[in-house]
Amino acid sequence: IREDLEEQGVIFLDTDTGLREHEDLFREYFGTVIPVGDNKFAALNTAVWSGGSFIYVPKGVKVEIPLQAYFRINTENMGQFERTLMIIDEDAYVHYVEGCTAPIYSTDSLHSAVVEIVVKRGGRCRYTTIQNWSTNVYNLVTKRAVAHEGATMEWVDGNLGSKVTMKYP
């Protein structure tokens, strides 16, 4: 993350590091938008998640450049279970862009991500995901946001390819 954003208190880490370095903040919000029992794929992700993005934007901070992440299935017969947790505090703003891809393998793979976004009062979040999956990927994900009073949540979700795409709202 850029030094000027870090100085303003913006956190942009992978989820494993986010949990280790900001455990209280992480645990306060993890599983609050999408509880473990929401659906079987959310339960699976909660049990085995690895990787993903952890973002916190402090009160009043406007992140003027998009924060970006890229997730790729690199191995045949793989399950990918990234977990993204975003907390946008009061009157803060962020645009997060993620990309997901996989090359064509001879056997199927599973992408079962969970994205939880909390936008506090007066905050604004733009979430953009572009997924370009090969035809042997099952893309079964749960993505959801909670926008508090006066908050704005903008969601752009583009999906190309895959064997099956199913998104739990």
N, C-alpha and C. Protein backbone atom coordinates (compact mmCIF):
# COMPACT_ATOMS: atom_id res chain seq x y z
N ILE A 1 0.85 -1.18 0.00
CA ILE A 1 0.00 0.00 0.00
C ILE A 1 0.90 1.24 0.00
N ARG A 2 0.41 2.28 -0.63
CA ARG A 2 1.20 3.52 -0.67
C ARG A 2 1.39 4.07 0.73
N GLU A 3 2.54 4.69 0.93
CA GLU A 3 2.90 5.21 2.24
C GLU A 3 1.91 6.26 2.73
N ASP A 4 1.44 7.14 1.84
CA ASP A 4 0.51 8.19 2.26
C ASP A 4 -0.81 7.60 2.75
N LEU A 5 -1.25 6.50 2.16
CA LEU A 5 -2.49 5.85 2.63
C LEU A 5 -2.27 5.17 3.97
N GLU A 6 -1.13 4.53 4.11
CA GLU A 6 -0.80 3.87 5.37
C GLU A 6 -0.74 4.90 6.51
N GLU A 7 -0.18 6.08 6.23
CA GLU A 7 -0.09 7.14 7.24
C GLU A 7 -1.47 7.63 7.67
N GLN A 8 -2.46 7.51 6.78
CA GLN A 8 -3.84 7.91 7.11
C GLN A 8 -4.60 6.79 7.82
N GLY A 9 -3.95 5.65 8.01
CA GLY A 9 -4.57 4.54 8.73
C GLY A 9 -5.25 3.51 7.86
N VAL A 10 -5.12 3.63 6.54
CA VAL A 10 -5.72 2.65 5.63
C VAL A 10 -4.97 1.33 5.77
N ILE A 11 -5.73 0.25 5.87
CA ILE A 11 -5.15 -1.09 5.94
C ILE A 11 -5.56 -1.83 4.68
N PHE A 12 -4.59 -2.40 3.99
CA PHE A 12 -4.84 -3.24 2.81
C PHE A 12 -3.84 -4.38 2.85
N LEU A 13 -4.32 -5.53 3.33
CA LEU A 13 -3.47 -6.70 3.53
C LEU A 13 -4.18 -7.94 3.02
N ASP A 14 -3.45 -9.04 2.91
CA ASP A 14 -4.13 -10.30 2.69
C ASP A 14 -4.83 -10.67 4.01
N THR A 15 -5.86 -11.50 3.93
CA THR A 15 -6.66 -11.78 5.13
C THR A 15 -5.86 -12.48 6.22
N ASP A 16 -4.93 -13.34 5.85
CA ASP A 16 -4.14 -14.03 6.87
C ASP A 16 -3.34 -13.03 7.70
N THR A 17 -2.68 -12.09 7.03
CA THR A 17 -1.92 -11.05 7.73
C THR A 17 -2.85 -10.11 8.48
N GLY A 18 -4.00 -9.79 7.88
CA GLY A 18 -4.97 -8.93 8.55
C GLY A 18 -5.42 -9.50 9.88
N LEU A 19 -5.68 -10.80 9.90
CA LEU A 19 -6.09 -11.46 11.15
C LEU A 19 -4.97 -11.42 12.18
N ARG A 20 -3.74 -11.66 11.76
CA ARG A 20 -2.61 -11.65 12.69
C ARG A 20 -2.31 -10.26 13.24
N GLU A 21 -2.32 -9.25 12.35
CA GLU A 21 -1.88 -7.92 12.75
C GLU A 21 -2.99 -7.02 13.30
N HIS A 22 -4.25 -7.35 12.98
CA HIS A 22 -5.38 -6.51 13.41
C HIS A 22 -6.51 -7.41 13.90
N GLU A 23 -6.17 -8.31 14.80
CA GLU A 23 -7.10 -9.37 15.21
C GLU A 23 -8.42 -8.83 15.75
N ASP A 24 -8.39 -7.82 16.60
CA ASP A 24 -9.64 -7.31 17.19
C ASP A 24 -10.57 -6.75 16.13
N LEU A 25 -10.05 -5.92 15.24
CA LEU A 25 -10.85 -5.33 14.17
C LEU A 25 -11.38 -6.43 13.24
N PHE A 26 -10.52 -7.35 12.88
CA PHE A 26 -10.90 -8.45 11.99
C PHE A 26 -12.03 -9.27 12.60
N ARG A 27 -11.85 -9.69 13.84
CA ARG A 27 -12.86 -10.55 14.49
C ARG A 27 -14.17 -9.82 14.75
N GLU A 28 -14.12 -8.50 14.93
CA GLU A 28 -15.34 -7.72 15.15
C GLU A 28 -16.30 -7.83 13.96
N TYR A 29 -15.76 -7.94 12.75
CA TYR A 29 -16.60 -7.91 11.55
C TYR A 29 -16.68 -9.24 10.80
N PHE A 30 -15.72 -10.11 10.99
CA PHE A 30 -15.68 -11.39 10.27
C PHE A 30 -16.95 -12.21 10.57
N GLY A 31 -17.65 -12.60 9.52
CA GLY A 31 -18.85 -13.42 9.69
C GLY A 31 -20.10 -12.66 10.09
N THR A 32 -20.04 -11.33 10.13
CA THR A 32 -21.23 -10.57 10.52
C THR A 32 -22.15 -10.30 9.35
N VAL A 33 -21.61 -10.21 8.15
CA VAL A 33 -22.43 -9.98 6.96
C VAL A 33 -22.89 -11.31 6.38
N ILE A 34 -22.01 -12.28 6.40
CA ILE A 34 -22.32 -13.63 5.91
C ILE A 34 -21.96 -14.62 7.01
N PRO A 35 -22.94 -15.01 7.82
CA PRO A 35 -22.66 -15.95 8.90
C PRO A 35 -22.32 -17.34 8.36
N VAL A 36 -21.62 -18.11 9.16
CA VAL A 36 -21.16 -19.44 8.75
C VAL A 36 -22.31 -20.31 8.25
N GLY A 37 -23.50 -20.20 8.84
CA GLY A 37 -24.63 -21.04 8.45
C GLY A 37 -25.47 -20.49 7.31
N ASP A 38 -25.01 -19.44 6.65
CA ASP A 38 -25.80 -18.80 5.59
C ASP A 38 -26.13 -19.78 4.47
N ASN A 39 -25.15 -20.52 4.02
CA ASN A 39 -25.34 -21.54 2.98
C ASN A 39 -24.15 -22.48 3.03
N LYS A 40 -24.24 -23.61 2.34
CA LYS A 40 -23.17 -24.61 2.46
C LYS A 40 -21.83 -24.13 1.91
N PHE A 41 -21.83 -23.26 0.93
CA PHE A 41 -20.56 -22.78 0.39
C PHE A 41 -19.92 -21.74 1.30
N ALA A 42 -20.74 -20.93 1.98
CA ALA A 42 -20.21 -20.01 2.99
C ALA A 42 -19.63 -20.80 4.16
N ALA A 43 -20.29 -21.89 4.53
CA ALA A 43 -19.78 -22.74 5.61
C ALA A 43 -18.45 -23.37 5.22
N LEU A 44 -18.37 -23.87 4.00
CA LEU A 44 -17.12 -24.47 3.51
C LEU A 44 -16.00 -23.43 3.51
N ASN A 45 -16.28 -22.24 3.00
CA ASN A 45 -15.28 -21.18 2.97
C ASN A 45 -14.82 -20.82 4.38
N THR A 46 -15.76 -20.68 5.31
CA THR A 46 -15.42 -20.33 6.68
C THR A 46 -14.51 -21.38 7.31
N ALA A 47 -14.71 -22.64 6.94
CA ALA A 47 -13.91 -23.72 7.51
C ALA A 47 -12.49 -23.77 6.95
N VAL A 48 -12.32 -23.42 5.68
CA VAL A 48 -11.01 -23.65 5.05
C VAL A 48 -10.40 -22.42 4.36
N TRP A 49 -10.94 -21.21 4.56
CA TRP A 49 -10.49 -20.05 3.80
C TRP A 49 -8.98 -19.85 3.93
N SER A 50 -8.45 -19.33 2.84
CA SER A 50 -7.05 -18.91 2.84
C SER A 50 -6.90 -17.83 1.78
N GLY A 51 -6.18 -16.80 2.12
CA GLY A 51 -6.00 -15.69 1.19
C GLY A 51 -7.22 -14.80 1.14
N GLY A 52 -7.16 -13.85 0.24
CA GLY A 52 -8.21 -12.85 0.13
C GLY A 52 -7.66 -11.50 0.55
N SER A 53 -8.54 -10.51 0.62
CA SER A 53 -8.13 -9.15 0.97
C SER A 53 -8.81 -8.69 2.25
N PHE A 54 -8.06 -7.96 3.07
CA PHE A 54 -8.59 -7.32 4.27
C PHE A 54 -8.34 -5.83 4.11
N ILE A 55 -9.43 -5.06 4.12
CA ILE A 55 -9.33 -3.62 3.90
C ILE A 55 -10.08 -2.89 5.00
N TYR A 56 -9.43 -1.88 5.56
CA TYR A 56 -10.09 -0.97 6.49
C TYR A 56 -9.74 0.44 6.06
N VAL A 57 -10.79 1.28 5.90
CA VAL A 57 -10.60 2.69 5.57
C VAL A 57 -11.16 3.49 6.75
N PRO A 58 -10.30 4.24 7.46
CA PRO A 58 -10.73 4.97 8.65
C PRO A 58 -11.74 6.09 8.36
N LYS A 59 -12.39 6.51 9.38
CA LYS A 59 -13.38 7.59 9.33
C LYS A 59 -12.81 8.80 8.59
N GLY A 60 -13.58 9.26 7.58
CA GLY A 60 -13.24 10.47 6.85
C GLY A 60 -12.15 10.34 5.80
N VAL A 61 -11.54 9.19 5.66
CA VAL A 61 -10.44 9.03 4.69
C VAL A 61 -11.01 8.66 3.33
N LYS A 62 -10.56 9.36 2.32
CA LYS A 62 -10.97 9.09 0.93
C LYS A 62 -9.77 8.52 0.18
N VAL A 63 -9.87 7.27 -0.24
CA VAL A 63 -8.80 6.64 -1.01
C VAL A 63 -9.07 6.95 -2.48
N GLU A 64 -8.24 7.80 -3.06
CA GLU A 64 -8.49 8.32 -4.41
C GLU A 64 -8.06 7.38 -5.53
N ILE A 65 -7.24 6.39 -5.22
CA ILE A 65 -6.83 5.42 -6.25
C ILE A 65 -7.47 4.07 -5.92
N PRO A 66 -7.80 3.28 -6.94
CA PRO A 66 -8.38 1.97 -6.64
C PRO A 66 -7.35 1.04 -5.97
N LEU A 67 -7.81 0.31 -4.98
CA LEU A 67 -7.01 -0.77 -4.41
C LEU A 67 -7.31 -2.02 -5.23
N GLN A 68 -6.29 -2.78 -5.58
CA GLN A 68 -6.48 -3.89 -6.52
C GLN A 68 -5.89 -5.19 -6.00
N ALA A 69 -6.57 -6.30 -6.35
CA ALA A 69 -6.07 -7.64 -6.02
C ALA A 69 -6.38 -8.57 -7.18
N TYR A 70 -5.61 -9.64 -7.28
CA TYR A 70 -5.78 -10.61 -8.35
C TYR A 70 -5.67 -12.01 -7.76
N PHE A 71 -6.66 -12.85 -8.05
CA PHE A 71 -6.68 -14.22 -7.56
C PHE A 71 -6.70 -15.17 -8.76
N ARG A 72 -5.84 -16.17 -8.73
CA ARG A 72 -5.70 -17.09 -9.86
C ARG A 72 -5.61 -18.52 -9.35
N ILE A 73 -6.36 -19.40 -9.98
CA ILE A 73 -6.24 -20.83 -9.70
C ILE A 73 -5.06 -21.34 -10.53
N ASN A 74 -4.01 -21.78 -9.86
CA ASN A 74 -2.78 -22.15 -10.55
C ASN A 74 -2.53 -23.65 -10.65
N THR A 75 -3.42 -24.45 -10.09
CA THR A 75 -3.19 -25.88 -10.05
C THR A 75 -4.45 -26.62 -10.43
N GLU A 76 -4.28 -27.69 -11.14
CA GLU A 76 -5.38 -28.56 -11.52
C GLU A 76 -6.02 -29.18 -10.27
N ASN A 77 -7.33 -29.44 -10.35
CA ASN A 77 -8.06 -30.07 -9.24
C ASN A 77 -7.99 -29.24 -7.96
N MET A 78 -8.00 -27.96 -8.06
CA MET A 78 -7.79 -27.10 -6.91
C MET A 78 -9.11 -26.49 -6.43
N GLY A 79 -9.17 -26.24 -5.13
CA GLY A 79 -10.24 -25.44 -4.56
C GLY A 79 -9.64 -24.12 -4.11
N GLN A 80 -10.26 -23.02 -4.50
CA GLN A 80 -9.79 -21.70 -4.09
C GLN A 80 -10.86 -21.10 -3.18
N PHE A 81 -10.45 -20.68 -1.98
CA PHE A 81 -11.40 -20.24 -0.96
C PHE A 81 -10.98 -18.91 -0.35
N GLU A 82 -10.77 -17.90 -1.19
CA GLU A 82 -10.36 -16.62 -0.61
C GLU A 82 -11.52 -15.97 0.12
N ARG A 83 -11.16 -15.18 1.11
CA ARG A 83 -12.14 -14.49 1.95
C ARG A 83 -11.76 -13.02 1.96
N THR A 84 -12.67 -12.16 1.50
CA THR A 84 -12.41 -10.73 1.48
C THR A 84 -13.31 -10.05 2.50
N LEU A 85 -12.71 -9.22 3.34
CA LEU A 85 -13.43 -8.49 4.37
C LEU A 85 -13.04 -7.02 4.24
N MET A 86 -14.06 -6.18 4.01
CA MET A 86 -13.82 -4.75 3.84
C MET A 86 -14.67 -3.98 4.85
N ILE A 87 -14.04 -3.04 5.55
CA ILE A 87 -14.74 -2.16 6.49
C ILE A 87 -14.43 -0.72 6.07
N ILE A 88 -15.49 -0.03 5.66
CA ILE A 88 -15.35 1.37 5.26
C ILE A 88 -16.03 2.19 6.35
N ASP A 89 -15.25 2.94 7.08
CA ASP A 89 -15.77 3.66 8.24
C ASP A 89 -16.58 4.88 7.80
N GLU A 90 -17.11 5.60 8.76
CA GLU A 90 -17.98 6.75 8.50
C GLU A 90 -17.30 7.77 7.59
N ASP A 91 -18.07 8.23 6.59
CA ASP A 91 -17.64 9.28 5.67
C ASP A 91 -16.32 8.96 4.95
N ALA A 92 -16.02 7.68 4.79
CA ALA A 92 -14.81 7.25 4.08
C ALA A 92 -15.19 6.75 2.70
N TYR A 93 -14.19 6.60 1.84
CA TYR A 93 -14.45 6.12 0.47
C TYR A 93 -13.31 5.23 0.00
N VAL A 94 -13.67 4.17 -0.73
CA VAL A 94 -12.69 3.32 -1.39
C VAL A 94 -13.31 2.67 -2.61
N HIS A 95 -12.46 2.43 -3.61
CA HIS A 95 -12.84 1.62 -4.78
C HIS A 95 -11.88 0.44 -4.79
N TYR A 96 -12.44 -0.76 -4.71
CA TYR A 96 -11.65 -1.99 -4.71
C TYR A 96 -11.94 -2.75 -5.99
N VAL A 97 -10.88 -3.16 -6.68
CA VAL A 97 -11.02 -3.90 -7.94
C VAL A 97 -10.30 -5.23 -7.78
N GLU A 98 -11.02 -6.32 -8.05
CA GLU A 98 -10.37 -7.63 -8.01
C GLU A 98 -10.59 -8.36 -9.32
N GLY A 99 -9.59 -9.13 -9.69
CA GLY A 99 -9.69 -9.98 -10.87
C GLY A 99 -9.47 -11.43 -10.48
N CYS A 100 -10.16 -12.33 -11.15
CA CYS A 100 -10.02 -13.77 -10.89
C CYS A 100 -9.94 -14.50 -12.22
N THR A 101 -8.98 -15.43 -12.34
CA THR A 101 -8.85 -16.22 -13.56
C THR A 101 -8.34 -17.61 -13.23
N ALA A 102 -8.41 -18.47 -14.25
CA ALA A 102 -7.82 -19.81 -14.18
C ALA A 102 -7.55 -20.28 -15.60
N PRO A 103 -6.41 -20.91 -15.82
CA PRO A 103 -6.15 -21.50 -17.13
C PRO A 103 -7.00 -22.77 -17.31
N ILE A 104 -7.02 -23.30 -18.51
CA ILE A 104 -7.78 -24.52 -18.79
C ILE A 104 -6.94 -25.72 -18.37
N TYR A 105 -7.53 -26.54 -17.51
CA TYR A 105 -6.91 -27.80 -17.09
C TYR A 105 -7.79 -28.94 -17.56
N SER A 106 -7.32 -30.16 -17.39
CA SER A 106 -8.10 -31.33 -17.85
C SER A 106 -9.11 -31.79 -16.82
N THR A 107 -9.03 -31.28 -15.58
CA THR A 107 -10.01 -31.63 -14.55
C THR A 107 -10.62 -30.36 -13.98
N ASP A 108 -11.71 -30.53 -13.24
CA ASP A 108 -12.45 -29.39 -12.70
C ASP A 108 -11.79 -28.81 -11.46
N SER A 109 -12.08 -27.52 -11.22
CA SER A 109 -11.65 -26.81 -10.02
C SER A 109 -12.85 -26.08 -9.43
N LEU A 110 -12.73 -25.71 -8.17
CA LEU A 110 -13.80 -25.02 -7.45
C LEU A 110 -13.30 -23.68 -6.95
N HIS A 111 -14.07 -22.63 -7.23
CA HIS A 111 -13.83 -21.31 -6.65
C HIS A 111 -15.01 -21.03 -5.74
N SER A 112 -14.75 -20.94 -4.44
CA SER A 112 -15.82 -20.74 -3.46
C SER A 112 -15.41 -19.62 -2.51
N ALA A 113 -15.53 -18.40 -2.99
CA ALA A 113 -15.10 -17.22 -2.23
C ALA A 113 -16.25 -16.67 -1.40
N VAL A 114 -15.88 -15.88 -0.39
CA VAL A 114 -16.84 -15.10 0.38
C VAL A 114 -16.31 -13.67 0.43
N VAL A 115 -17.19 -12.71 0.15
CA VAL A 115 -16.86 -11.30 0.25
C VAL A 115 -17.86 -10.65 1.20
N GLU A 116 -17.34 -10.02 2.25
CA GLU A 116 -18.17 -9.29 3.22
C GLU A 116 -17.72 -7.83 3.21
N ILE A 117 -18.69 -6.93 3.04
CA ILE A 117 -18.37 -5.51 3.02
C ILE A 117 -19.30 -4.79 4.00
N VAL A 118 -18.71 -3.97 4.85
CA VAL A 118 -19.48 -3.14 5.79
C VAL A 118 -19.15 -1.69 5.46
N VAL A 119 -20.20 -0.93 5.12
CA VAL A 119 -20.03 0.50 4.82
C VAL A 119 -20.79 1.26 5.90
N LYS A 120 -20.04 1.96 6.73
CA LYS A 120 -20.66 2.67 7.85
C LYS A 120 -21.30 3.99 7.39
N ARG A 121 -21.98 4.61 8.31
CA ARG A 121 -22.76 5.82 8.06
C ARG A 121 -21.99 6.84 7.21
N GLY A 122 -22.62 7.24 6.09
CA GLY A 122 -22.03 8.25 5.21
C GLY A 122 -20.86 7.77 4.38
N GLY A 123 -20.48 6.53 4.53
CA GLY A 123 -19.35 5.99 3.77
C GLY A 123 -19.77 5.62 2.35
N ARG A 124 -18.78 5.38 1.52
CA ARG A 124 -19.06 4.99 0.14
C ARG A 124 -18.03 3.95 -0.29
N CYS A 125 -18.53 2.88 -0.88
CA CYS A 125 -17.65 1.82 -1.37
C CYS A 125 -18.07 1.44 -2.78
N ARG A 126 -17.09 1.31 -3.63
CA ARG A 126 -17.31 0.77 -4.97
C ARG A 126 -16.50 -0.53 -5.05
N TYR A 127 -17.20 -1.62 -5.30
CA TYR A 127 -16.56 -2.94 -5.42
C TYR A 127 -16.72 -3.40 -6.86
N THR A 128 -15.59 -3.69 -7.50
CA THR A 128 -15.61 -4.16 -8.88
C THR A 128 -14.87 -5.48 -8.94
N THR A 129 -15.53 -6.49 -9.50
CA THR A 129 -14.86 -7.77 -9.71
C THR A 129 -15.04 -8.19 -11.16
N ILE A 130 -13.96 -8.65 -11.76
CA ILE A 130 -13.98 -9.14 -13.13
C ILE A 130 -13.42 -10.56 -13.08
N GLN A 131 -14.28 -11.52 -13.40
CA GLN A 131 -13.88 -12.92 -13.32
C GLN A 131 -13.92 -13.53 -14.71
N ASN A 132 -12.79 -14.10 -15.10
CA ASN A 132 -12.66 -14.74 -16.41
C ASN A 132 -12.19 -16.17 -16.18
N TRP A 133 -13.15 -17.05 -15.97
CA TRP A 133 -12.84 -18.43 -15.61
C TRP A 133 -12.77 -19.32 -16.83
N SER A 134 -11.92 -20.34 -16.76
CA SER A 134 -11.90 -21.37 -17.81
C SER A 134 -13.16 -22.23 -17.66
N THR A 135 -13.43 -23.03 -18.65
CA THR A 135 -14.69 -23.78 -18.70
C THR A 135 -14.74 -24.97 -17.75
N ASN A 136 -13.70 -25.19 -16.97
CA ASN A 136 -13.73 -26.29 -16.01
C ASN A 136 -13.72 -25.79 -14.56
N VAL A 137 -14.16 -24.56 -14.33
CA VAL A 137 -14.22 -23.99 -12.99
C VAL A 137 -15.68 -23.86 -12.55
N TYR A 138 -15.97 -24.42 -11.39
CA TYR A 138 -17.25 -24.18 -10.73
C TYR A 138 -17.06 -22.95 -9.86
N ASN A 139 -17.80 -21.89 -10.15
CA ASN A 139 -17.68 -20.61 -9.46
C ASN A 139 -18.91 -20.45 -8.57
N LEU A 140 -18.78 -20.84 -7.30
CA LEU A 140 -19.91 -20.88 -6.37
C LEU A 140 -19.55 -20.00 -5.17
N VAL A 141 -20.04 -18.77 -5.17
CA VAL A 141 -19.56 -17.78 -4.21
C VAL A 141 -20.72 -17.10 -3.48
N THR A 142 -20.37 -16.47 -2.36
CA THR A 142 -21.32 -15.68 -1.59
C THR A 142 -20.70 -14.30 -1.38
N LYS A 143 -21.40 -13.27 -1.85
CA LYS A 143 -20.88 -11.90 -1.75
C LYS A 143 -22.01 -11.00 -1.30
N ARG A 144 -21.72 -10.18 -0.30
CA ARG A 144 -22.79 -9.35 0.25
C ARG A 144 -22.20 -8.14 0.96
N ALA A 145 -23.01 -7.08 1.03
CA ALA A 145 -22.61 -5.86 1.74
C ALA A 145 -23.73 -5.40 2.65
N VAL A 146 -23.34 -4.69 3.69
CA VAL A 146 -24.28 -3.99 4.57
C VAL A 146 -23.92 -2.51 4.50
N ALA A 147 -24.90 -1.69 4.11
CA ALA A 147 -24.69 -0.25 4.04
C ALA A 147 -25.53 0.41 5.13
N HIS A 148 -24.87 1.09 6.03
CA HIS A 148 -25.56 1.77 7.13
C HIS A 148 -26.19 3.07 6.64
N GLU A 149 -26.86 3.77 7.53
CA GLU A 149 -27.60 4.98 7.19
C GLU A 149 -26.74 5.97 6.40
N GLY A 150 -27.27 6.41 5.26
CA GLY A 150 -26.59 7.40 4.43
C GLY A 150 -25.37 6.87 3.68
N ALA A 151 -25.12 5.59 3.75
CA ALA A 151 -23.97 4.99 3.06
C ALA A 151 -24.35 4.63 1.63
N THR A 152 -23.33 4.53 0.78
CA THR A 152 -23.54 4.13 -0.61
C THR A 152 -22.66 2.93 -0.91
N MET A 153 -23.27 1.92 -1.50
CA MET A 153 -22.54 0.72 -1.93
C MET A 153 -22.78 0.56 -3.42
N GLU A 154 -21.71 0.61 -4.21
CA GLU A 154 -21.80 0.41 -5.66
C GLU A 154 -21.12 -0.92 -5.97
N TRP A 155 -21.80 -1.76 -6.76
CA TRP A 155 -21.31 -3.11 -7.00
C TRP A 155 -21.31 -3.40 -8.49
N VAL A 156 -20.14 -3.70 -9.05
CA VAL A 156 -20.03 -4.09 -10.45
C VAL A 156 -19.39 -5.48 -10.46
N ASP A 157 -20.10 -6.44 -11.03
CA ASP A 157 -19.68 -7.84 -10.97
C ASP A 157 -19.78 -8.45 -12.36
N GLY A 158 -18.64 -8.62 -13.04
CA GLY A 158 -18.63 -9.19 -14.38
C GLY A 158 -18.05 -10.59 -14.37
N ASN A 159 -18.78 -11.53 -14.95
CA ASN A 159 -18.36 -12.93 -14.96
C ASN A 159 -18.35 -13.48 -16.37
N LEU A 160 -17.22 -14.03 -16.78
CA LEU A 160 -17.09 -14.66 -18.09
C LEU A 160 -16.65 -16.09 -17.87
N GLY A 161 -17.12 -16.98 -18.73
CA GLY A 161 -16.68 -18.36 -18.67
C GLY A 161 -17.23 -19.11 -17.48
N SER A 162 -16.54 -20.14 -17.06
CA SER A 162 -16.83 -21.08 -15.99
C SER A 162 -17.75 -22.19 -16.48
N LYS A 163 -17.71 -23.28 -15.77
CA LYS A 163 -18.63 -24.39 -16.04
C LYS A 163 -20.00 -24.03 -15.48
N VAL A 164 -19.99 -23.49 -14.25
CA VAL A 164 -21.20 -23.03 -13.58
C VAL A 164 -20.82 -21.82 -12.74
N THR A 165 -21.63 -20.78 -12.78
CA THR A 165 -21.48 -19.66 -11.86
C THR A 165 -22.77 -19.51 -11.09
N MET A 166 -22.66 -19.50 -9.77
CA MET A 166 -23.81 -19.28 -8.91
C MET A 166 -23.35 -18.36 -7.78
N LYS A 167 -24.06 -17.26 -7.64
CA LYS A 167 -23.71 -16.31 -6.59
C LYS A 167 -24.87 -16.17 -5.63
N TYR A 168 -24.58 -16.46 -4.37
CA TYR A 168 -25.59 -16.23 -3.34
C TYR A 168 -25.60 -14.74 -3.04
N PRO A 169 -26.78 -14.14 -3.04
CA PRO A 169 -26.83 -12.71 -2.73
C PRO A 169 -26.64 -12.44 -1.25
